[in-house]
Amino acid sequence: MTADRSRLARPAVVVAPRLLGAVIVSDVGDARVAIRLSEVEAYEGQDDPASHAFRGLTPRTAVMFGPAGHLYCYFTYGMHWCANVVCGVDGVAAAVLLRAGEVVDGIDVARSRRPAARKDTELARGPARLATCLGLAAAQNGLDLCDPASPVRLESVPSRRPALVASGPRVGISAATELTWRFWRPDDPTVSPFKAGGRKRVGPPPAD
């Protein structure tokens, strides 16, 4: 069952931890791969200096301004694609970066797309690797993740936040580095290694 859009039409810092354990399914290239999310990062648009949308609406960031439940794909470092779930109120940019997860369907397809992975827990361990496993690129930007007929869909988003979530600073940014808006499932082997910039802490995500 695809995600309820209303559950995504909330601030990124609220939606992000609720995506932990949700499943994103891709039928891109007529080959199914499904990943259960284990690590995400919240980006709050024009209120967040680290967000692509901080300086306002552009052709690149248009999808981030809603409606919620769409896929925002972007190219980085001249070689990788990364994927985000758009959230928040329509007209206000917000998105959650999908950082890591466990391949729960289409393992052979994921291995063929990520031949350098030494073990299965590393297949989608990192945002570019996750997008590669799912076959995501420019053509998938803007897809409706809540549409059952979409080639990429978000499923199993819980109505409540998980009981236990780890949080810490986001990775690979130079602004707003003090914000602990990266969330992950504690002790999950698919989560990317913690990097310097803040202490890891375990506790509930921000209140609604």
C-alpha atoms as a PDB file:
ATOM      1  CA  MET A   1       0.000   0.000   0.000  1.00  0.00           C
ATOM      2  CA  THR A   2       1.454   3.359  -1.016  1.00  0.00           C
ATOM      3  CA  ALA A   3       2.071   6.118   1.492  1.00  0.00           C
ATOM      4  CA  ASP A   4      -0.714   8.396   2.674  1.00  0.00           C
ATOM      5  CA  ARG A   5       0.211  11.850   1.352  1.00  0.00           C
ATOM      6  CA  SER A   6      -1.180  13.530   4.461  1.00  0.00           C
ATOM      7  CA  ARG A   7       1.458  11.770   6.567  1.00  0.00           C
ATOM      8  CA  LEU A   8       4.155  13.458   4.472  1.00  0.00           C
ATOM      9  CA  ALA A   9       2.610  16.956   4.487  1.00  0.00           C
ATOM     10  CA  ARG A  10       4.432  17.932   7.659  1.00  0.00           C
ATOM     11  CA  PRO A  11       7.827  19.481   8.485  1.00  0.00           C
ATOM     12  CA  ALA A  12      10.838  17.484   7.335  1.00  0.00           C
ATOM     13  CA  VAL A  13      12.134  17.036  10.891  1.00  0.00           C
ATOM     14  CA  VAL A  14       8.851  15.336  11.797  1.00  0.00           C
ATOM     15  CA  VAL A  15       8.551  13.234   8.654  1.00  0.00           C
ATOM     16  CA  ALA A  16      12.197  12.094   8.543  1.00  0.00           C
ATOM     17  CA  PRO A  17      12.240   9.742  11.561  1.00  0.00           C
ATOM     18  CA  ARG A  18       8.863   8.330  10.542  1.00  0.00           C
ATOM     19  CA  LEU A  19      10.392   7.160   7.259  1.00  0.00           C
ATOM     20  CA  LEU A  20      12.729   4.816   9.130  1.00  0.00           C
ATOM     21  CA  GLY A  21      11.437   1.338   8.404  1.00  0.00           C
ATOM     22  CA  ALA A  22       9.344   2.503   5.444  1.00  0.00           C
ATOM     23  CA  VAL A  23       9.963   0.789   2.096  1.00  0.00           C
ATOM     24  CA  ILE A  24      10.682   2.485  -1.211  1.00  0.00           C
ATOM     25  CA  VAL A  25       9.944   0.315  -4.255  1.00  0.00           C
ATOM     26  CA  SER A  26      11.330   0.919  -7.738  1.00  0.00           C
ATOM     27  CA  ASP A  27      10.273  -0.790 -10.947  1.00  0.00           C
ATOM     28  CA  VAL A  28      12.619   1.336 -13.059  1.00  0.00           C
ATOM     29  CA  GLY A  29      14.041  -0.592 -16.005  1.00  0.00           C
ATOM     30  CA  ASP A  30      11.394  -3.311 -15.598  1.00  0.00           C
ATOM     31  CA  ALA A  31      13.379  -4.661 -12.642  1.00  0.00           C
ATOM     32  CA  ARG A  32      12.028  -4.413  -9.121  1.00  0.00           C
ATOM     33  CA  VAL A  33      14.173  -3.343  -6.189  1.00  0.00           C
ATOM     34  CA  ALA A  34      12.750  -2.512  -2.760  1.00  0.00           C
ATOM     35  CA  ILE A  35      14.702  -0.918   0.081  1.00  0.00           C
ATOM     36  CA  ARG A  36      13.684  -0.591   3.727  1.00  0.00           C
ATOM     37  CA  LEU A  37      14.996   2.768   4.926  1.00  0.00           C
ATOM     38  CA  SER A  38      17.441   2.839   7.819  1.00  0.00           C
ATOM     39  CA  GLU A  39      18.944   6.349   7.619  1.00  0.00           C
ATOM     40  CA  VAL A  40      17.587   9.723   6.483  1.00  0.00           C
ATOM     41  CA  GLU A  41      18.277  13.460   6.754  1.00  0.00           C
ATOM     42  CA  ALA A  42      15.800  16.334   7.028  1.00  0.00           C
ATOM     43  CA  TYR A  43      16.135  19.569   5.020  1.00  0.00           C
ATOM     44  CA  GLU A  44      13.792  22.461   5.787  1.00  0.00           C
ATOM     45  CA  GLY A  45      14.008  24.504   2.589  1.00  0.00           C
ATOM     46  CA  GLN A  46      14.256  28.282   2.946  1.00  0.00           C
ATOM     47  CA  ASP A  47      14.654  27.974   6.726  1.00  0.00           C
ATOM     48  CA  ASP A  48      17.697  25.734   6.305  1.00  0.00           C
ATOM     49  CA  PRO A  49      21.043  27.072   4.951  1.00  0.00           C
ATOM     50  CA  ALA A  50      22.073  23.514   4.008  1.00  0.00           C
ATOM     51  CA  SER A  51      19.017  22.978   1.789  1.00  0.00           C
ATOM     52  CA  HIS A  52      19.111  23.307  -1.984  1.00  0.00           C
ATOM     53  CA  ALA A  53      15.977  25.457  -1.688  1.00  0.00           C
ATOM     54  CA  PHE A  54      17.436  27.912   0.815  1.00  0.00           C
ATOM     55  CA  ARG A  55      17.700  30.681  -1.786  1.00  0.00           C
ATOM     56  CA  GLY A  56      14.220  30.118  -3.130  1.00  0.00           C
ATOM     57  CA  LEU A  57      12.449  28.579  -6.095  1.00  0.00           C
ATOM     58  CA  THR A  58      14.590  27.548  -9.083  1.00  0.00           C
ATOM     59  CA  PRO A  59      14.025  25.070 -11.932  1.00  0.00           C
ATOM     60  CA  ARG A  60      16.199  22.584 -10.025  1.00  0.00           C
ATOM     61  CA  THR A  61      14.355  22.882  -6.717  1.00  0.00           C
ATOM     62  CA  ALA A  62      10.789  23.368  -8.000  1.00  0.00           C
ATOM     63  CA  VAL A  63       9.706  19.860  -6.993  1.00  0.00           C
ATOM     64  CA  MET A  64      10.796  20.554  -3.396  1.00  0.00           C
ATOM     65  CA  PHE A  65       8.042  23.164  -3.074  1.00  0.00           C
ATOM     66  CA  GLY A  66       5.386  20.477  -3.205  1.00  0.00           C
ATOM     67  CA  PRO A  67       3.004  18.929  -3.109  1.00  0.00           C
ATOM     68  CA  ALA A  68       4.312  16.396  -0.621  1.00  0.00           C
ATOM     69  CA  GLY A  69       4.961  12.825  -1.625  1.00  0.00           C
ATOM     70  CA  HIS A  70       7.006  13.444  -4.756  1.00  0.00           C
ATOM     71  CA  LEU A  71      10.539  12.308  -5.536  1.00  0.00           C
ATOM     72  CA  TYR A  72      13.328  14.882  -5.717  1.00  0.00           C
ATOM     73  CA  CYS A  73      16.436  13.537  -7.476  1.00  0.00           C
ATOM     74  CA  TYR A  74      19.596  15.596  -7.825  1.00  0.00           C
ATOM     75  CA  PHE A  75      23.032  15.102  -9.346  1.00  0.00           C
ATOM     76  CA  THR A  76      26.054  15.635  -7.100  1.00  0.00           C
ATOM     77  CA  TYR A  77      29.845  15.720  -7.483  1.00  0.00           C
ATOM     78  CA  GLY A  78      29.395  15.342 -11.227  1.00  0.00           C
ATOM     79  CA  MET A  79      28.874  11.599 -10.932  1.00  0.00           C
ATOM     80  CA  HIS A  80      26.119  10.530  -8.487  1.00  0.00           C
ATOM     81  CA  TRP A  81      22.354  10.798  -8.122  1.00  0.00           C
ATOM     82  CA  CYS A  82      20.661  11.115  -4.737  1.00  0.00           C
ATOM     83  CA  ALA A  83      16.969  10.776  -3.853  1.00  0.00           C
ATOM     84  CA  ASN A  84      14.666  12.699  -1.505  1.00  0.00           C
ATOM     85  CA  VAL A  85      11.044  12.468  -0.419  1.00  0.00           C
ATOM     86  CA  VAL A  86       9.334  15.865  -0.691  1.00  0.00           C
ATOM     87  CA  CYS A  87       7.318  16.723   2.407  1.00  0.00           C
ATOM     88  CA  GLY A  88       5.777  19.710   4.147  1.00  0.00           C
ATOM     89  CA  VAL A  89       2.985  22.064   3.154  1.00  0.00           C
ATOM     90  CA  ASP A  90       2.424  22.697  -0.545  1.00  0.00           C
ATOM     91  CA  GLY A  91       4.359  25.813  -1.555  1.00  0.00           C
ATOM     92  CA  VAL A  92       6.934  25.535   1.255  1.00  0.00           C
ATOM     93  CA  ALA A  93      10.101  23.648   0.321  1.00  0.00           C
ATOM     94  CA  ALA A  94      11.065  20.648   2.453  1.00  0.00           C
ATOM     95  CA  ALA A  95      12.520  17.228   1.743  1.00  0.00           C
ATOM     96  CA  VAL A  96      14.066  14.174   3.375  1.00  0.00           C
ATOM     97  CA  LEU A  97      17.256  12.744   1.894  1.00  0.00           C
ATOM     98  CA  LEU A  98      17.262   8.948   1.730  1.00  0.00           C
ATOM     99  CA  ARG A  99      20.702   8.055   3.056  1.00  0.00           C
ATOM    100  CA  ALA A 100      20.712   4.280   3.516  1.00  0.00           C
ATOM    101  CA  GLY A 101      18.639   1.136   3.719  1.00  0.00           C
ATOM    102  CA  GLU A 102      18.369  -2.632   3.410  1.00  0.00           C
ATOM    103  CA  VAL A 103      17.537  -4.228   0.070  1.00  0.00           C
ATOM    104  CA  VAL A 104      14.500  -6.394   0.835  1.00  0.00           C
ATOM    105  CA  ASP A 105      13.502  -7.300  -2.736  1.00  0.00           C
ATOM    106  CA  GLY A 106      15.438  -7.546  -5.988  1.00  0.00           C
ATOM    107  CA  ILE A 107      18.747  -8.353  -4.351  1.00  0.00           C
ATOM    108  CA  ASP A 108      20.237  -9.731  -7.582  1.00  0.00           C
ATOM    109  CA  VAL A 109      19.297  -6.571  -9.483  1.00  0.00           C
ATOM    110  CA  ALA A 110      20.803  -4.411  -6.745  1.00  0.00           C
ATOM    111  CA  ARG A 111      24.016  -6.457  -6.842  1.00  0.00           C
ATOM    112  CA  SER A 112      24.251  -6.010 -10.614  1.00  0.00           C
ATOM    113  CA  ARG A 113      23.878  -2.244 -10.225  1.00  0.00           C
ATOM    114  CA  ARG A 114      26.387  -2.114  -7.370  1.00  0.00           C
ATOM    115  CA  PRO A 115      29.069  -4.677  -8.315  1.00  0.00           C
ATOM    116  CA  ALA A 116      31.672  -2.999  -6.112  1.00  0.00           C
ATOM    117  CA  ALA A 117      29.717  -3.742  -2.921  1.00  0.00           C
ATOM    118  CA  ARG A 118      31.599  -6.278  -0.819  1.00  0.00           C
ATOM    119  CA  LYS A 119      28.517  -7.462   1.045  1.00  0.00           C
ATOM    120  CA  ASP A 120      24.770  -6.978   0.865  1.00  0.00           C
ATOM    121  CA  THR A 121      24.638  -4.588   3.831  1.00  0.00           C
ATOM    122  CA  GLU A 122      26.753  -2.170   1.756  1.00  0.00           C
ATOM    123  CA  LEU A 123      24.535  -2.187  -1.331  1.00  0.00           C
ATOM    124  CA  ALA A 124      22.460   0.856  -0.284  1.00  0.00           C
ATOM    125  CA  ARG A 125      24.737   2.177   2.452  1.00  0.00           C
ATOM    126  CA  GLY A 126      24.937   5.843   1.459  1.00  0.00           C
ATOM    127  CA  PRO A 127      22.614   8.131  -0.545  1.00  0.00           C
ATOM    128  CA  ALA A 128      24.281   7.668  -3.945  1.00  0.00           C
ATOM    129  CA  ARG A 129      24.444   3.893  -3.490  1.00  0.00           C
ATOM    130  CA  LEU A 130      20.783   3.777  -2.485  1.00  0.00           C
ATOM    131  CA  ALA A 131      19.752   5.739  -5.582  1.00  0.00           C
ATOM    132  CA  THR A 132      21.910   3.509  -7.780  1.00  0.00           C
ATOM    133  CA  CYS A 133      20.303   0.347  -6.404  1.00  0.00           C
ATOM    134  CA  LEU A 134      16.879   1.775  -7.205  1.00  0.00           C
ATOM    135  CA  GLY A 135      17.936   2.929 -10.675  1.00  0.00           C
ATOM    136  CA  LEU A 136      17.070   6.565  -9.947  1.00  0.00           C
ATOM    137  CA  ALA A 137      18.291   9.477 -12.062  1.00  0.00           C
ATOM    138  CA  ALA A 138      16.955  12.577 -13.848  1.00  0.00           C
ATOM    139  CA  ALA A 139      14.060  10.733 -15.489  1.00  0.00           C
ATOM    140  CA  GLN A 140      12.588   9.864 -12.077  1.00  0.00           C
ATOM    141  CA  ASN A 141      12.712  13.402 -10.667  1.00  0.00           C
ATOM    142  CA  GLY A 142       9.214  14.557  -9.732  1.00  0.00           C
ATOM    143  CA  LEU A 143       7.541  11.139  -9.714  1.00  0.00           C
ATOM    144  CA  ASP A 144       4.573  10.772  -7.366  1.00  0.00           C
ATOM    145  CA  LEU A 145       5.617   8.313  -4.666  1.00  0.00           C
ATOM    146  CA  CYS A 146       2.021   8.074  -3.398  1.00  0.00           C
ATOM    147  CA  ASP A 147       0.568   6.952  -6.749  1.00  0.00           C
ATOM    148  CA  PRO A 148       0.096   3.146  -6.894  1.00  0.00           C
ATOM    149  CA  ALA A 149       0.765   3.297 -10.652  1.00  0.00           C
ATOM    150  CA  SER A 150       4.068   5.176 -10.290  1.00  0.00           C
ATOM    151  CA  PRO A 151       7.260   3.268 -11.201  1.00  0.00           C
ATOM    152  CA  VAL A 152       8.714   4.415  -7.848  1.00  0.00           C
ATOM    153  CA  ARG A 153       6.544   4.219  -4.738  1.00  0.00           C
ATOM    154  CA  LEU A 154       6.852   4.788  -1.014  1.00  0.00           C
ATOM    155  CA  GLU A 155       5.188   2.158   1.144  1.00  0.00           C
ATOM    156  CA  SER A 156       4.676   1.278   4.798  1.00  0.00           C
ATOM    157  CA  VAL A 157       5.051   4.770   6.288  1.00  0.00           C
ATOM    158  CA  PRO A 158       3.890   4.458   9.908  1.00  0.00           C
ATOM    159  CA  SER A 159       1.424   6.896  11.427  1.00  0.00           C
ATOM    160  CA  ARG A 160       3.638   7.256  14.492  1.00  0.00           C
ATOM    161  CA  ARG A 161       7.336   7.823  14.944  1.00  0.00           C
ATOM    162  CA  PRO A 162       9.498   4.849  15.987  1.00  0.00           C
ATOM    163  CA  ALA A 163      10.032   4.264  19.689  1.00  0.00           C
ATOM    164  CA  LEU A 164      13.815   4.560  19.405  1.00  0.00           C
ATOM    165  CA  VAL A 165      15.713   6.684  16.911  1.00  0.00           C
ATOM    166  CA  ALA A 166      19.338   7.807  16.836  1.00  0.00           C
ATOM    167  CA  SER A 167      20.083  11.347  15.705  1.00  0.00           C
ATOM    168  CA  GLY A 168      23.148  13.393  14.912  1.00  0.00           C
ATOM    169  CA  PRO A 169      24.576  16.035  12.564  1.00  0.00           C
ATOM    170  CA  ARG A 170      23.990  15.752   8.848  1.00  0.00           C
ATOM    171  CA  VAL A 171      26.814  14.566   6.606  1.00  0.00           C
ATOM    172  CA  GLY A 172      28.711  16.411   3.874  1.00  0.00           C
ATOM    173  CA  ILE A 173      27.394  19.923   4.510  1.00  0.00           C
ATOM    174  CA  SER A 174      29.144  23.144   5.506  1.00  0.00           C
ATOM    175  CA  ALA A 175      26.147  25.132   6.822  1.00  0.00           C
ATOM    176  CA  ALA A 176      23.842  24.457   9.773  1.00  0.00           C
ATOM    177  CA  THR A 177      26.208  21.714  10.897  1.00  0.00           C
ATOM    178  CA  GLU A 178      24.993  22.032  14.492  1.00  0.00           C
ATOM    179  CA  LEU A 179      21.525  20.681  13.678  1.00  0.00           C
ATOM    180  CA  THR A 180      20.994  17.034  14.570  1.00  0.00           C
ATOM    181  CA  TRP A 181      18.673  16.331  11.648  1.00  0.00           C
ATOM    182  CA  ARG A 182      20.161  13.016  10.550  1.00  0.00           C
ATOM    183  CA  PHE A 183      18.109  10.090  11.874  1.00  0.00           C
ATOM    184  CA  TRP A 184      18.869   6.385  11.775  1.00  0.00           C
ATOM    185  CA  ARG A 185      17.891   3.012  13.186  1.00  0.00           C
ATOM    186  CA  PRO A 186      20.245   2.137  16.042  1.00  0.00           C
ATOM    187  CA  ASP A 187      22.477  -0.901  15.485  1.00  0.00           C
ATOM    188  CA  ASP A 188      21.317  -1.341  11.884  1.00  0.00           C
ATOM    189  CA  PRO A 189      24.304  -2.632   9.824  1.00  0.00           C
ATOM    190  CA  THR A 190      23.171  -0.796   6.694  1.00  0.00           C
ATOM    191  CA  VAL A 191      23.569   2.658   8.299  1.00  0.00           C
ATOM    192  CA  SER A 192      26.606   4.586   7.060  1.00  0.00           C
ATOM    193  CA  PRO A 193      29.478   5.048   9.547  1.00  0.00           C
ATOM    194  CA  PHE A 194      29.112   8.010  11.876  1.00  0.00           C
ATOM    195  CA  LYS A 195      31.377  10.877  10.857  1.00  0.00           C
ATOM    196  CA  ALA A 196      32.981  13.625  12.912  1.00  0.00           C
ATOM    197  CA  GLY A 197      31.016  16.772  13.541  1.00  0.00           C
ATOM    198  CA  GLY A 198      28.938  15.919  16.574  1.00  0.00           C
ATOM    199  CA  ARG A 199      28.228  13.254  19.124  1.00  0.00           C
ATOM    200  CA  LYS A 200      25.759  10.519  18.391  1.00  0.00           C
ATOM    201  CA  ARG A 201      22.764  10.511  20.657  1.00  0.00           C
ATOM    202  CA  VAL A 202      19.747   8.287  21.035  1.00  0.00           C
ATOM    203  CA  GLY A 203      16.316   9.599  21.826  1.00  0.00           C
ATOM    204  CA  PRO A 204      12.964  10.627  20.401  1.00  0.00           C
ATOM    205  CA  PRO A 205      12.803  12.816  17.284  1.00  0.00           C
ATOM    206  CA  PRO A 206      11.463  16.375  17.499  1.00  0.00           C
ATOM    207  CA  ALA A 207       7.918  16.694  18.813  1.00  0.00           C
ATOM    208  CA  ASP A 208       5.063  17.184  16.352  1.00  0.00           C
END
